[in-house]
N, C-alpha and C. Protein backbone atom coordinates (compact mmCIF):
# COMPACT_ATOMS: atom_id res chain seq x y z
N MET A 1 -18.09 -17.80 12.84
CA MET A 1 -18.22 -16.43 12.37
C MET A 1 -18.40 -16.46 10.85
N ASP A 2 -19.35 -15.72 10.37
CA ASP A 2 -19.67 -15.69 8.95
C ASP A 2 -19.17 -14.36 8.35
N ILE A 3 -17.89 -14.29 8.04
CA ILE A 3 -17.28 -13.06 7.53
C ILE A 3 -17.65 -12.90 6.06
N HIS A 4 -18.16 -11.73 5.71
CA HIS A 4 -18.56 -11.46 4.33
C HIS A 4 -17.54 -10.64 3.57
N ASN A 5 -16.73 -9.89 4.26
CA ASN A 5 -15.74 -9.05 3.61
C ASN A 5 -14.69 -8.69 4.65
N GLN A 6 -13.55 -8.21 4.21
CA GLN A 6 -12.49 -7.78 5.12
C GLN A 6 -11.76 -6.61 4.47
N GLY A 7 -11.13 -5.81 5.32
CA GLY A 7 -10.42 -4.66 4.80
C GLY A 7 -9.41 -4.13 5.80
N ILE A 8 -8.72 -3.12 5.34
CA ILE A 8 -7.71 -2.44 6.16
C ILE A 8 -8.08 -0.97 6.17
N ILE A 9 -8.05 -0.36 7.35
CA ILE A 9 -8.28 1.07 7.47
C ILE A 9 -6.93 1.73 7.76
N LEU A 10 -6.58 2.70 6.95
CA LEU A 10 -5.33 3.42 7.10
C LEU A 10 -5.66 4.88 7.33
N ASN A 11 -5.35 5.38 8.53
CA ASN A 11 -5.56 6.79 8.84
C ASN A 11 -4.38 7.58 8.30
N VAL A 12 -4.68 8.63 7.54
CA VAL A 12 -3.64 9.42 6.89
C VAL A 12 -3.83 10.90 7.19
N PHE A 13 -2.76 11.65 7.12
CA PHE A 13 -2.79 13.09 7.33
C PHE A 13 -2.98 13.81 6.00
N ASN A 14 -2.17 13.43 5.00
CA ASN A 14 -2.23 14.02 3.66
C ASN A 14 -3.27 13.26 2.84
N PHE A 15 -4.53 13.45 3.20
CA PHE A 15 -5.61 12.63 2.66
C PHE A 15 -5.66 12.63 1.13
N ASP A 16 -5.77 13.80 0.52
CA ASP A 16 -5.90 13.87 -0.94
C ASP A 16 -4.69 13.27 -1.65
N LYS A 17 -3.50 13.57 -1.13
CA LYS A 17 -2.28 13.02 -1.74
C LYS A 17 -2.23 11.49 -1.61
N CYS A 18 -2.64 10.98 -0.46
CA CYS A 18 -2.62 9.52 -0.26
C CYS A 18 -3.65 8.83 -1.14
N VAL A 19 -4.86 9.39 -1.23
CA VAL A 19 -5.87 8.79 -2.11
C VAL A 19 -5.36 8.77 -3.54
N SER A 20 -4.82 9.88 -3.99
CA SER A 20 -4.29 9.95 -5.35
C SER A 20 -3.15 8.95 -5.55
N PHE A 21 -2.27 8.83 -4.56
CA PHE A 21 -1.14 7.90 -4.63
C PHE A 21 -1.62 6.47 -4.85
N TYR A 22 -2.53 6.00 -4.01
CA TYR A 22 -2.98 4.61 -4.12
C TYR A 22 -3.78 4.36 -5.39
N LYS A 23 -4.53 5.37 -5.83
CA LYS A 23 -5.29 5.22 -7.07
C LYS A 23 -4.37 5.23 -8.29
N THR A 24 -3.37 6.09 -8.27
CA THR A 24 -2.48 6.26 -9.42
C THR A 24 -1.39 5.20 -9.47
N VAL A 25 -0.65 5.05 -8.38
CA VAL A 25 0.49 4.14 -8.37
C VAL A 25 0.05 2.68 -8.42
N PHE A 26 -0.99 2.33 -7.67
CA PHE A 26 -1.41 0.93 -7.58
C PHE A 26 -2.71 0.65 -8.34
N ASN A 27 -3.24 1.66 -9.00
CA ASN A 27 -4.43 1.50 -9.83
C ASN A 27 -5.61 0.91 -9.04
N LEU A 28 -5.76 1.34 -7.79
CA LEU A 28 -6.88 0.87 -6.97
C LEU A 28 -8.11 1.69 -7.31
N SER A 29 -9.19 1.01 -7.61
CA SER A 29 -10.44 1.68 -7.98
C SER A 29 -11.19 2.13 -6.74
N GLU A 30 -11.81 3.30 -6.86
CA GLU A 30 -12.60 3.83 -5.76
C GLU A 30 -13.95 3.13 -5.68
N MET A 31 -14.29 2.67 -4.49
CA MET A 31 -15.59 2.05 -4.25
C MET A 31 -16.60 3.12 -3.83
N PHE A 32 -16.18 4.00 -2.89
CA PHE A 32 -17.01 5.12 -2.46
C PHE A 32 -16.19 6.07 -1.62
N SER A 33 -16.71 7.27 -1.44
CA SER A 33 -16.11 8.30 -0.57
C SER A 33 -17.19 8.89 0.31
N LYS A 34 -16.77 9.47 1.43
CA LYS A 34 -17.72 10.10 2.35
C LYS A 34 -17.03 11.26 3.04
N THR A 35 -17.75 12.33 3.24
CA THR A 35 -17.28 13.48 3.99
C THR A 35 -18.33 13.82 5.04
N ASP A 36 -17.86 14.02 6.27
CA ASP A 36 -18.74 14.41 7.37
C ASP A 36 -18.00 15.45 8.19
N GLY A 37 -18.22 16.72 7.88
CA GLY A 37 -17.46 17.79 8.52
C GLY A 37 -16.00 17.71 8.10
N ASP A 38 -15.09 17.64 9.08
CA ASP A 38 -13.66 17.52 8.79
C ASP A 38 -13.24 16.08 8.51
N PHE A 39 -14.11 15.13 8.82
CA PHE A 39 -13.78 13.72 8.61
C PHE A 39 -14.05 13.34 7.15
N ARG A 40 -13.08 12.64 6.57
CA ARG A 40 -13.22 12.15 5.19
C ARG A 40 -12.74 10.72 5.12
N LEU A 41 -13.33 9.96 4.21
CA LEU A 41 -12.84 8.62 3.95
C LEU A 41 -13.04 8.30 2.48
N THR A 42 -12.18 7.47 1.97
CA THR A 42 -12.32 6.92 0.63
C THR A 42 -11.99 5.44 0.73
N CYS A 43 -12.86 4.64 0.16
CA CYS A 43 -12.69 3.19 0.18
C CYS A 43 -12.25 2.73 -1.21
N LEU A 44 -11.13 2.01 -1.27
CA LEU A 44 -10.56 1.54 -2.53
C LEU A 44 -10.58 0.02 -2.59
N GLU A 45 -10.77 -0.52 -3.79
CA GLU A 45 -10.68 -1.96 -3.98
C GLU A 45 -9.25 -2.39 -3.71
N PHE A 46 -9.08 -3.46 -2.98
CA PHE A 46 -7.76 -3.96 -2.59
C PHE A 46 -7.79 -5.48 -2.76
N GLY A 47 -7.70 -5.93 -4.01
CA GLY A 47 -7.90 -7.34 -4.31
C GLY A 47 -9.34 -7.69 -4.00
N SER A 48 -9.55 -8.74 -3.24
CA SER A 48 -10.91 -9.11 -2.85
C SER A 48 -11.30 -8.46 -1.51
N SER A 49 -10.48 -7.54 -1.04
CA SER A 49 -10.73 -6.80 0.19
C SER A 49 -10.88 -5.33 -0.14
N TYR A 50 -10.73 -4.48 0.86
CA TYR A 50 -10.73 -3.04 0.61
C TYR A 50 -9.66 -2.36 1.45
N LEU A 51 -9.21 -1.24 0.95
CA LEU A 51 -8.31 -0.35 1.69
C LEU A 51 -9.08 0.95 1.89
N MET A 52 -9.39 1.25 3.15
CA MET A 52 -10.13 2.46 3.46
C MET A 52 -9.16 3.50 4.02
N LEU A 53 -9.07 4.62 3.35
CA LEU A 53 -8.24 5.72 3.82
C LEU A 53 -9.14 6.70 4.56
N GLU A 54 -8.75 7.04 5.78
CA GLU A 54 -9.52 7.97 6.60
C GLU A 54 -8.59 9.07 7.11
N THR A 55 -9.18 10.21 7.40
CA THR A 55 -8.41 11.32 7.97
C THR A 55 -8.01 10.98 9.41
N SER A 56 -7.26 11.85 10.03
CA SER A 56 -6.80 11.75 11.43
C SER A 56 -5.50 10.99 11.59
N GLY A 57 -4.77 10.77 10.51
CA GLY A 57 -3.48 10.10 10.61
C GLY A 57 -2.37 11.09 10.91
N VAL A 58 -1.17 10.56 11.05
CA VAL A 58 0.02 11.35 11.32
C VAL A 58 1.02 11.09 10.19
N ALA A 59 1.55 12.16 9.63
CA ALA A 59 2.50 12.04 8.53
C ALA A 59 3.93 12.08 9.05
N SER A 60 4.83 11.56 8.23
CA SER A 60 6.26 11.61 8.51
C SER A 60 6.97 12.02 7.22
N GLU A 61 8.05 12.79 7.37
CA GLU A 61 8.82 13.22 6.19
C GLU A 61 9.54 12.05 5.53
N SER A 62 9.82 11.01 6.31
CA SER A 62 10.52 9.83 5.77
C SER A 62 9.72 8.58 6.14
N GLU A 63 10.21 7.44 5.73
CA GLU A 63 9.50 6.19 6.00
C GLU A 63 9.34 5.99 7.51
N LYS A 64 8.11 5.71 7.91
CA LYS A 64 7.84 5.46 9.32
C LYS A 64 8.49 4.15 9.74
N ASP A 65 9.08 4.14 10.92
CA ASP A 65 9.67 2.89 11.41
C ASP A 65 8.59 2.07 12.11
N ILE A 66 8.96 0.90 12.57
CA ILE A 66 7.99 -0.05 13.13
C ILE A 66 7.32 0.49 14.40
N THR A 67 7.97 1.42 15.11
CA THR A 67 7.34 1.99 16.30
C THR A 67 6.28 3.02 15.92
N GLN A 68 6.41 3.63 14.75
CA GLN A 68 5.44 4.62 14.29
C GLN A 68 4.30 3.97 13.51
N ASN A 69 4.60 2.86 12.84
CA ASN A 69 3.61 2.18 12.02
C ASN A 69 4.00 0.71 11.94
N PRO A 70 3.41 -0.14 12.78
CA PRO A 70 3.82 -1.55 12.80
C PRO A 70 3.26 -2.39 11.66
N THR A 71 2.63 -1.75 10.67
CA THR A 71 2.03 -2.47 9.55
C THR A 71 2.66 -2.03 8.25
N ILE A 72 2.85 -2.97 7.34
CA ILE A 72 3.34 -2.68 5.99
C ILE A 72 2.32 -3.25 5.02
N LEU A 73 1.84 -2.41 4.11
CA LEU A 73 0.96 -2.93 3.06
C LEU A 73 1.80 -3.70 2.06
N ARG A 74 1.29 -4.83 1.58
CA ARG A 74 2.05 -5.68 0.65
C ARG A 74 1.23 -5.88 -0.61
N PHE A 75 1.88 -5.69 -1.74
CA PHE A 75 1.30 -5.97 -3.04
C PHE A 75 2.17 -7.02 -3.70
N ASN A 76 1.63 -8.19 -4.00
CA ASN A 76 2.36 -9.22 -4.74
C ASN A 76 2.10 -9.02 -6.22
N VAL A 77 3.15 -9.08 -7.03
CA VAL A 77 3.04 -8.83 -8.46
C VAL A 77 3.63 -9.97 -9.27
N ALA A 78 3.18 -10.10 -10.51
CA ALA A 78 3.66 -11.15 -11.39
C ALA A 78 5.12 -10.93 -11.78
N SER A 79 5.49 -9.68 -12.04
CA SER A 79 6.86 -9.37 -12.47
C SER A 79 7.39 -8.20 -11.65
N ILE A 80 8.36 -8.50 -10.81
CA ILE A 80 8.93 -7.44 -9.98
C ILE A 80 9.70 -6.43 -10.83
N GLN A 81 10.26 -6.88 -11.95
CA GLN A 81 10.98 -5.97 -12.84
C GLN A 81 10.02 -4.97 -13.48
N LYS A 82 8.86 -5.44 -13.94
CA LYS A 82 7.86 -4.52 -14.50
C LYS A 82 7.32 -3.59 -13.43
N ALA A 83 7.16 -4.12 -12.22
CA ALA A 83 6.70 -3.28 -11.11
C ALA A 83 7.71 -2.17 -10.84
N LEU A 84 9.00 -2.51 -10.87
CA LEU A 84 10.04 -1.51 -10.64
C LEU A 84 9.98 -0.41 -11.70
N GLU A 85 9.82 -0.81 -12.96
CA GLU A 85 9.71 0.18 -14.04
C GLU A 85 8.54 1.13 -13.80
N HIS A 86 7.42 0.58 -13.35
CA HIS A 86 6.24 1.40 -13.07
C HIS A 86 6.49 2.31 -11.86
N ILE A 87 7.00 1.76 -10.77
CA ILE A 87 7.23 2.53 -9.55
C ILE A 87 8.24 3.65 -9.79
N CYS A 88 9.24 3.41 -10.62
CA CYS A 88 10.26 4.43 -10.90
C CYS A 88 9.68 5.68 -11.56
N LYS A 89 8.49 5.57 -12.15
CA LYS A 89 7.82 6.75 -12.70
C LYS A 89 7.41 7.70 -11.58
N PHE A 90 7.22 7.16 -10.38
CA PHE A 90 6.77 7.94 -9.23
C PHE A 90 7.87 8.14 -8.20
N ASP A 91 8.84 7.24 -8.16
CA ASP A 91 9.94 7.30 -7.20
C ASP A 91 11.20 6.77 -7.89
N SER A 92 12.00 7.67 -8.42
CA SER A 92 13.17 7.27 -9.20
C SER A 92 14.25 6.59 -8.36
N SER A 93 14.13 6.67 -7.04
CA SER A 93 15.14 6.02 -6.19
C SER A 93 14.77 4.58 -5.83
N ALA A 94 13.62 4.10 -6.28
CA ALA A 94 13.17 2.74 -5.95
C ALA A 94 14.13 1.71 -6.54
N ILE A 95 14.39 0.67 -5.76
CA ILE A 95 15.26 -0.43 -6.20
C ILE A 95 14.66 -1.75 -5.73
N ILE A 96 15.14 -2.81 -6.35
CA ILE A 96 14.76 -4.15 -5.91
C ILE A 96 15.71 -4.56 -4.80
N ILE A 97 15.15 -5.05 -3.71
CA ILE A 97 15.93 -5.52 -2.57
C ILE A 97 15.85 -7.04 -2.55
N GLU A 98 16.99 -7.69 -2.66
CA GLU A 98 17.04 -9.16 -2.68
C GLU A 98 17.19 -9.68 -1.25
N ASN A 99 16.36 -10.63 -0.89
CA ASN A 99 16.43 -11.30 0.41
C ASN A 99 16.49 -12.81 0.17
N ASP A 100 16.89 -13.57 1.16
CA ASP A 100 16.93 -15.02 0.97
C ASP A 100 15.53 -15.61 0.81
N TRP A 101 14.50 -14.90 1.26
CA TRP A 101 13.12 -15.36 1.16
C TRP A 101 12.39 -14.80 -0.06
N GLY A 102 13.01 -13.88 -0.82
CA GLY A 102 12.38 -13.31 -2.01
C GLY A 102 12.83 -11.89 -2.26
N SER A 103 12.30 -11.31 -3.31
CA SER A 103 12.66 -9.95 -3.72
C SER A 103 11.49 -9.00 -3.46
N ILE A 104 11.82 -7.78 -3.04
CA ILE A 104 10.80 -6.76 -2.81
C ILE A 104 11.28 -5.41 -3.34
N ILE A 105 10.33 -4.54 -3.53
CA ILE A 105 10.58 -3.12 -3.75
C ILE A 105 9.92 -2.42 -2.56
N ARG A 106 10.62 -1.52 -1.93
CA ARG A 106 10.05 -0.79 -0.79
C ARG A 106 9.79 0.64 -1.22
N VAL A 107 8.57 1.11 -1.03
CA VAL A 107 8.20 2.50 -1.32
C VAL A 107 7.40 3.01 -0.12
N VAL A 108 7.18 4.30 -0.10
CA VAL A 108 6.36 4.90 0.96
C VAL A 108 5.29 5.78 0.33
N ASP A 109 4.16 5.88 1.01
CA ASP A 109 3.10 6.77 0.53
C ASP A 109 3.41 8.19 0.99
N PRO A 110 2.59 9.18 0.63
CA PRO A 110 2.86 10.57 1.01
C PRO A 110 2.90 10.83 2.51
N ASP A 111 2.39 9.91 3.33
CA ASP A 111 2.46 10.06 4.78
C ASP A 111 3.64 9.32 5.39
N GLY A 112 4.43 8.63 4.59
CA GLY A 112 5.57 7.87 5.10
C GLY A 112 5.23 6.44 5.48
N ASN A 113 4.02 5.98 5.16
CA ASN A 113 3.64 4.60 5.45
C ASN A 113 4.37 3.65 4.50
N PRO A 114 5.06 2.64 5.05
CA PRO A 114 5.82 1.73 4.19
C PRO A 114 4.93 0.78 3.40
N ILE A 115 5.36 0.52 2.17
CA ILE A 115 4.68 -0.41 1.27
C ILE A 115 5.72 -1.32 0.68
N SER A 116 5.40 -2.59 0.61
CA SER A 116 6.32 -3.58 0.05
C SER A 116 5.66 -4.21 -1.17
N ILE A 117 6.41 -4.27 -2.25
CA ILE A 117 5.95 -4.93 -3.47
C ILE A 117 6.81 -6.17 -3.63
N ARG A 118 6.19 -7.33 -3.72
CA ARG A 118 6.93 -8.59 -3.74
C ARG A 118 6.62 -9.40 -4.98
N ASP A 119 7.62 -10.17 -5.42
CA ASP A 119 7.39 -11.09 -6.52
C ASP A 119 6.48 -12.21 -6.03
N ASN A 120 5.37 -12.42 -6.73
CA ASN A 120 4.39 -13.41 -6.29
C ASN A 120 4.93 -14.83 -6.37
N SER A 121 5.81 -15.11 -7.32
CA SER A 121 6.34 -16.48 -7.44
C SER A 121 7.11 -16.88 -6.19
N GLY A 122 7.87 -15.96 -5.61
CA GLY A 122 8.59 -16.25 -4.38
C GLY A 122 7.64 -16.49 -3.23
N PHE A 123 6.56 -15.74 -3.18
CA PHE A 123 5.56 -15.92 -2.14
C PHE A 123 4.88 -17.28 -2.30
N GLN A 124 4.55 -17.63 -3.52
CA GLN A 124 3.89 -18.92 -3.80
C GLN A 124 4.78 -20.10 -3.40
N ARG A 125 6.09 -19.96 -3.62
CA ARG A 125 7.00 -21.05 -3.24
C ARG A 125 6.94 -21.31 -1.73
N HIS A 126 6.80 -20.26 -0.93
CA HIS A 126 6.71 -20.42 0.52
C HIS A 126 5.41 -21.12 0.92
N MET A 127 4.36 -20.88 0.18
CA MET A 127 3.08 -21.49 0.50
C MET A 127 3.10 -23.00 0.27
N LYS A 128 3.98 -23.47 -0.57
CA LYS A 128 4.05 -24.90 -0.89
C LYS A 128 4.92 -25.67 0.08
N ILE A 129 5.60 -24.96 0.97
CA ILE A 129 6.50 -25.62 1.94
C ILE A 129 5.71 -26.29 3.01
């Protein structure tokens, strides 16, 4: 198989809020947008991949559990402390969660989709095992 690109499609209910969230909080650049009647999509750069947000999702008032959303978006960062300072501008309750396998910050988007921010050095250590 000759794969040229890869991406993730995330269906969201609060489309405008979610697009703004990913663009603002994670500084993801917009590649393109499309509207066709009630259907909308926005494609954002996601490292060397893309994150495509599309309408028709289901929102939750709180973080969706694994039965509602079995996927967690992960962003690895150089400094988890700097990431926390940045995330706290948008979610003052954000904290660093220490695990035996590494440290993460857990946040949710406007639809309740879970997002994990991880220290990249901890992730890299696992790759060398």
